[in-house]
Amino acid sequence: MTLDLTGRTALVTGSTQGIGAAIARRLADAGARVGINGRRAEAVGDAVAALAADAGAGRFFAAPGDLATEDGAAAVTGVVPSADILVNNLGVFGAKPALEITDAEWRRYWEVNVLAGVRLIRHYLPGMAERGWGRVLNIASDSAIVIPEEMIHYGASKTALLAVSRGFAKHAAGSGVTVNAVIAGPTRTGGVEEFVYQLVDRSLPWEEAQRAFMREHRPLSLLQRLIEPEEIANLVAYLASPLASATTGAAVRVDGGYVDSIIP
């Protein structure tokens, strides 16, 4: 099975590291030219250089900007006025007791995890529809369905992202553009490693800490380990390809079997 994205331009938000960087690398491997996004221009430049060193020069370009703000979104769309593939990967998360989450934190999670993606969909979807082809992929989370008690604000924002995906898929009906959400399970990234140590004993070696986290806080996982970023990226690349032309309006799981449901 060949995933051919030759000639396509992709924008992956929050892609200087972790899942976003893995997605960018996989899309480039399939032939796409990929915009790398982050808030700081220096970090974006470093990420572009590192990705290019692995995958080859010319496949990546810098698209810095804080997408949680209208000005930041305008800066990014100024660099990337048109895209064939939009991957809304940007997101923030963290543990906080339910009654201690402030109004300001709720607003921040909404701005970053929901509105940042909505702004870009509004910008890119019309052009995709006019050309008769496009892919919008919103990276959600198992927390959208199994709301974690230790980070309700994060779970609620990802639930909203599922609704956003389904709604825009309906708007794009018949246009040749597909809009899907990817329900990612607990994935090993630098940020997640820190999150794990917020919940388990910091003196534990990583392998023990990971097992303790999965056992105590994610016991429904059938994989019984953290997912690797490349495993998320493989599904995203498939959904971004012409091979996934009949998949739209869906919430597709790559969650290690964590969500205790046959569907979606």
Protein backbone atom coordinates (compact mmCIF):
# COMPACT_ATOMS: atom_id res chain seq x y z
CA MET A 1 0.00 0.00 0.00
CA THR A 2 1.54 3.25 -1.17
CA LEU A 3 0.68 6.53 0.52
CA ASP A 4 1.46 9.05 -2.20
CA LEU A 5 1.20 12.73 -1.23
CA THR A 6 3.52 14.01 -3.93
CA GLY A 7 2.76 17.63 -4.77
CA ARG A 8 0.62 18.21 -1.70
CA THR A 9 1.24 20.97 0.85
CA ALA A 10 0.54 20.14 4.49
CA LEU A 11 0.47 22.24 7.64
CA VAL A 12 0.94 20.44 10.95
CA THR A 13 0.34 22.61 14.00
CA GLY A 14 2.34 22.13 17.18
CA SER A 15 4.92 20.17 15.21
CA THR A 16 8.30 21.12 16.66
CA GLN A 17 8.40 17.92 18.72
CA GLY A 18 6.46 14.84 19.83
CA ILE A 19 3.42 13.64 17.91
CA GLY A 20 3.38 16.69 15.64
CA ALA A 21 6.98 16.19 14.53
CA ALA A 22 6.34 12.48 13.91
CA ILE A 23 3.29 13.34 11.77
CA ALA A 24 5.28 15.93 9.80
CA ARG A 25 8.04 13.42 9.14
CA ARG A 26 5.59 10.73 7.98
CA LEU A 27 3.76 13.11 5.63
CA ALA A 28 7.08 14.21 4.16
CA ASP A 29 8.08 10.58 3.69
CA ALA A 30 4.91 10.20 1.58
CA GLY A 31 5.96 13.11 -0.62
CA ALA A 32 4.25 16.15 0.94
CA ARG A 33 5.87 19.50 1.58
CA VAL A 34 5.19 20.21 5.25
CA GLY A 35 4.88 23.42 7.23
CA ILE A 36 6.27 23.18 10.76
CA ASN A 37 4.49 25.28 13.37
CA GLY A 38 5.25 26.43 16.89
CA ARG A 39 4.99 29.66 18.85
CA ARG A 40 8.68 30.58 18.77
CA ALA A 41 10.44 31.16 15.45
CA GLU A 42 13.75 29.90 16.86
CA ALA A 43 12.26 26.58 17.99
CA VAL A 44 10.50 26.17 14.64
CA GLY A 45 13.75 26.81 12.77
CA ASP A 46 15.58 24.26 14.90
CA ALA A 47 12.82 21.69 14.26
CA VAL A 48 12.92 22.29 10.50
CA ALA A 49 16.68 21.78 10.50
CA ALA A 50 16.44 18.59 12.57
CA LEU A 51 13.65 17.13 10.41
CA ALA A 52 15.49 18.05 7.21
CA ALA A 53 18.63 16.35 8.51
CA ASP A 54 16.64 13.11 8.86
CA ALA A 55 14.33 13.29 5.84
CA GLY A 56 16.09 15.58 3.36
CA ALA A 57 16.14 19.30 2.66
CA GLY A 58 13.24 20.99 0.91
CA ARG A 59 10.52 18.87 2.49
CA PHE A 60 9.89 21.17 5.44
CA PHE A 61 9.41 24.91 5.88
CA ALA A 62 8.86 27.17 8.87
CA ALA A 63 5.39 28.47 9.77
CA PRO A 64 5.77 30.03 13.23
CA GLY A 65 2.93 31.69 15.09
CA ASP A 66 0.83 31.43 18.25
CA LEU A 67 -2.37 29.89 16.90
CA ALA A 68 -4.23 30.55 20.13
CA THR A 69 -4.45 34.19 19.02
CA GLU A 70 -5.97 35.75 15.91
CA ASP A 71 -2.73 37.59 15.14
CA GLY A 72 -0.73 34.39 15.42
CA ALA A 73 -3.12 32.56 13.12
CA ALA A 74 -2.83 35.40 10.60
CA ALA A 75 0.96 35.11 10.72
CA VAL A 76 0.77 31.38 9.94
CA THR A 77 -1.75 31.73 7.12
CA GLY A 78 0.38 34.53 5.71
CA VAL A 79 3.23 32.05 5.33
CA VAL A 80 0.92 29.19 4.27
CA PRO A 81 -1.94 30.84 2.36
CA SER A 82 -3.11 27.54 0.88
CA ALA A 83 -2.86 23.94 2.07
CA ASP A 84 -4.07 20.58 0.86
CA ILE A 85 -3.70 18.89 4.24
CA LEU A 86 -4.33 20.51 7.62
CA VAL A 87 -3.41 18.60 10.76
CA ASN A 88 -4.60 20.39 13.90
CA ASN A 89 -2.26 18.76 16.39
CA LEU A 90 -1.62 21.71 18.70
CA GLY A 91 -2.82 21.06 22.25
CA VAL A 92 -2.06 21.64 25.90
CA PHE A 93 -2.72 19.31 28.80
CA GLY A 94 -1.90 18.92 32.46
CA ALA A 95 -3.23 17.50 35.69
CA LYS A 96 -5.24 19.78 38.00
CA PRO A 97 -7.79 19.00 40.73
CA ALA A 98 -11.27 19.57 39.30
CA LEU A 99 -12.33 22.35 41.66
CA GLU A 100 -9.03 24.22 41.29
CA ILE A 101 -9.26 24.80 37.52
CA THR A 102 -9.71 28.56 37.16
CA ASP A 103 -11.73 30.47 34.57
CA ALA A 104 -8.47 31.59 32.99
CA GLU A 105 -7.30 27.99 32.58
CA TRP A 106 -10.62 26.95 31.08
CA ARG A 107 -10.34 29.79 28.57
CA ARG A 108 -6.74 28.89 27.72
CA TYR A 109 -7.64 25.26 27.01
CA TRP A 110 -10.53 26.36 24.83
CA GLU A 111 -8.40 28.86 22.88
CA VAL A 112 -5.52 26.43 22.28
CA ASN A 113 -7.27 23.07 21.92
CA VAL A 114 -10.41 24.16 20.08
CA LEU A 115 -10.42 27.68 18.61
CA ALA A 116 -6.89 27.41 17.20
CA GLY A 117 -8.05 24.56 14.97
CA VAL A 118 -11.35 26.21 14.10
CA ARG A 119 -9.55 29.36 12.89
CA LEU A 120 -7.42 27.34 10.49
CA ILE A 121 -10.30 25.23 9.22
CA ARG A 122 -12.20 28.42 8.40
CA HIS A 123 -9.22 29.64 6.43
CA TYR A 124 -8.22 26.50 4.52
CA LEU A 125 -11.47 24.60 3.96
CA PRO A 126 -12.92 26.95 1.27
CA GLY A 127 -9.81 26.60 -0.89
CA MET A 128 -9.77 22.83 -0.49
CA ALA A 129 -13.42 22.65 -1.54
CA GLU A 130 -12.82 24.92 -4.53
CA ARG A 131 -10.01 22.63 -5.71
CA GLY A 132 -12.12 19.53 -5.04
CA TRP A 133 -9.63 17.82 -2.71
CA GLY A 134 -8.42 18.28 0.83
CA ARG A 135 -7.86 16.67 4.18
CA VAL A 136 -8.55 18.14 7.62
CA LEU A 137 -7.43 16.05 10.57
CA ASN A 138 -8.01 17.10 14.18
CA ILE A 139 -5.92 15.25 16.75
CA ALA A 140 -8.26 14.44 19.63
CA SER A 141 -7.73 12.08 22.54
CA ASP A 142 -9.18 9.14 24.40
CA SER A 143 -9.82 11.77 27.09
CA ALA A 144 -12.59 13.14 24.87
CA ILE A 145 -14.59 9.99 25.62
CA VAL A 146 -13.17 8.75 28.93
CA ILE A 147 -12.98 12.09 30.73
CA PRO A 148 -10.06 11.95 33.20
CA GLU A 149 -10.93 13.17 36.68
CA GLU A 150 -7.49 14.76 36.97
CA MET A 151 -7.87 16.96 33.87
CA ILE A 152 -11.50 17.66 33.12
CA HIS A 153 -10.70 20.85 31.19
CA TYR A 154 -8.50 18.92 28.76
CA GLY A 155 -11.07 16.17 28.25
CA ALA A 156 -13.87 18.66 27.64
CA SER A 157 -11.82 20.54 25.05
CA LYS A 158 -11.12 17.31 23.16
CA THR A 159 -14.80 16.35 23.27
CA ALA A 160 -15.53 19.70 21.64
CA LEU A 161 -12.95 18.88 18.96
CA LEU A 162 -14.90 15.73 18.04
CA ALA A 163 -18.01 17.87 17.53
CA VAL A 164 -16.04 20.39 15.49
CA SER A 165 -14.76 17.61 13.23
CA ARG A 166 -18.19 16.12 12.61
CA GLY A 167 -19.77 19.52 12.00
CA PHE A 168 -17.19 20.68 9.46
CA ALA A 169 -17.36 17.29 7.72
CA LYS A 170 -21.06 17.95 7.15
CA HIS A 171 -20.24 21.41 5.84
CA ALA A 172 -17.74 19.87 3.39
CA ALA A 173 -20.15 17.16 2.18
CA GLY A 174 -19.76 16.35 -1.50
CA SER A 175 -16.78 18.68 -1.98
CA GLY A 176 -13.99 16.10 -2.14
CA VAL A 177 -12.70 17.29 1.23
CA THR A 178 -12.69 14.91 4.18
CA VAL A 179 -12.69 16.02 7.82
CA ASN A 180 -11.87 13.51 10.55
CA ALA A 181 -10.77 13.35 14.16
CA VAL A 182 -8.02 11.04 15.35
CA ILE A 183 -8.53 9.71 18.87
CA ALA A 184 -4.99 9.27 20.12
CA GLY A 185 -4.34 7.23 23.24
CA PRO A 186 -1.66 7.81 25.88
CA THR A 187 1.47 8.50 23.83
CA ARG A 188 5.10 8.73 24.87
CA THR A 189 6.34 12.29 24.42
CA GLY A 190 8.43 14.58 26.56
CA GLY A 191 5.31 16.32 27.82
CA VAL A 192 3.60 13.05 28.67
CA GLU A 193 6.66 11.80 30.53
CA GLU A 194 6.42 14.89 32.74
CA PHE A 195 2.67 14.32 33.13
CA VAL A 196 3.30 10.71 34.19
CA TYR A 197 5.66 11.92 36.90
CA GLN A 198 3.00 14.33 38.15
CA LEU A 199 0.91 11.28 39.01
CA VAL A 200 3.45 8.64 40.09
CA ASP A 201 6.57 8.57 42.27
CA ARG A 202 9.31 10.66 40.61
CA SER A 203 11.96 8.38 42.09
CA LEU A 204 10.83 5.48 39.90
CA PRO A 205 12.88 4.64 36.78
CA TRP A 206 10.97 5.46 33.58
CA GLU A 207 9.93 1.91 32.69
CA GLU A 208 8.56 1.33 36.19
CA ALA A 209 6.88 4.76 36.21
CA GLN A 210 5.24 4.04 32.85
CA ARG A 211 3.88 0.70 34.03
CA ALA A 212 2.63 2.25 37.27
CA PHE A 213 0.89 5.05 35.36
CA MET A 214 -0.84 2.64 32.98
CA ARG A 215 -1.85 0.33 35.83
CA GLU A 216 -3.14 3.04 38.16
CA HIS A 217 -4.44 5.74 35.79
CA ARG A 218 -5.10 4.05 32.42
CA PRO A 219 -6.05 0.48 33.45
CA LEU A 220 -8.37 -0.07 30.46
CA SER A 221 -5.51 0.05 27.95
CA LEU A 222 -5.30 -3.19 26.00
CA LEU A 223 -1.85 -2.25 24.73
CA GLN A 224 -0.63 -1.86 28.33
CA ARG A 225 2.10 0.55 27.28
CA LEU A 226 2.36 4.08 26.01
CA ILE A 227 1.90 4.49 22.26
CA GLU A 228 4.87 5.72 20.21
CA PRO A 229 4.37 8.99 18.23
CA GLU A 230 5.14 7.16 14.97
CA GLU A 231 2.14 4.90 15.55
CA ILE A 232 -0.13 7.96 15.62
CA ALA A 233 1.61 9.38 12.56
CA ASN A 234 0.99 6.23 10.51
CA LEU A 235 -2.77 6.55 10.91
CA VAL A 236 -2.71 10.28 10.18
CA ALA A 237 -0.73 9.70 6.97
CA TYR A 238 -3.26 7.13 5.80
CA LEU A 239 -6.22 9.43 6.51
CA ALA A 240 -4.40 12.26 4.72
CA SER A 241 -3.89 10.13 1.62
CA PRO A 242 -6.14 9.47 -1.39
CA LEU A 243 -6.62 5.94 -0.05
CA ALA A 244 -8.91 7.29 2.70
CA SER A 245 -11.28 9.06 0.32
CA ALA A 246 -14.40 7.39 1.78
CA THR A 247 -13.58 8.16 5.43
CA THR A 248 -15.04 11.46 6.63
CA GLY A 249 -16.92 12.74 9.63
CA ALA A 250 -15.30 9.97 11.67
CA ALA A 251 -13.52 9.72 14.99
CA VAL A 252 -10.84 7.13 14.22
CA ARG A 253 -9.10 5.51 17.16
CA VAL A 254 -5.41 4.81 17.64
CA ASP A 255 -5.72 4.49 21.39
CA GLY A 256 -4.25 1.11 22.23
CA GLY A 257 -7.76 -0.15 22.95
CA TYR A 258 -8.14 2.20 25.90
CA VAL A 259 -11.68 3.32 25.13
CA ASP A 260 -13.90 0.44 26.27
CA SER A 261 -16.20 0.48 23.27
CA ILE A 262 -16.52 -1.42 19.99
CA ILE A 263 -17.28 1.84 18.16
CA PRO A 264 -16.08 4.30 17.06
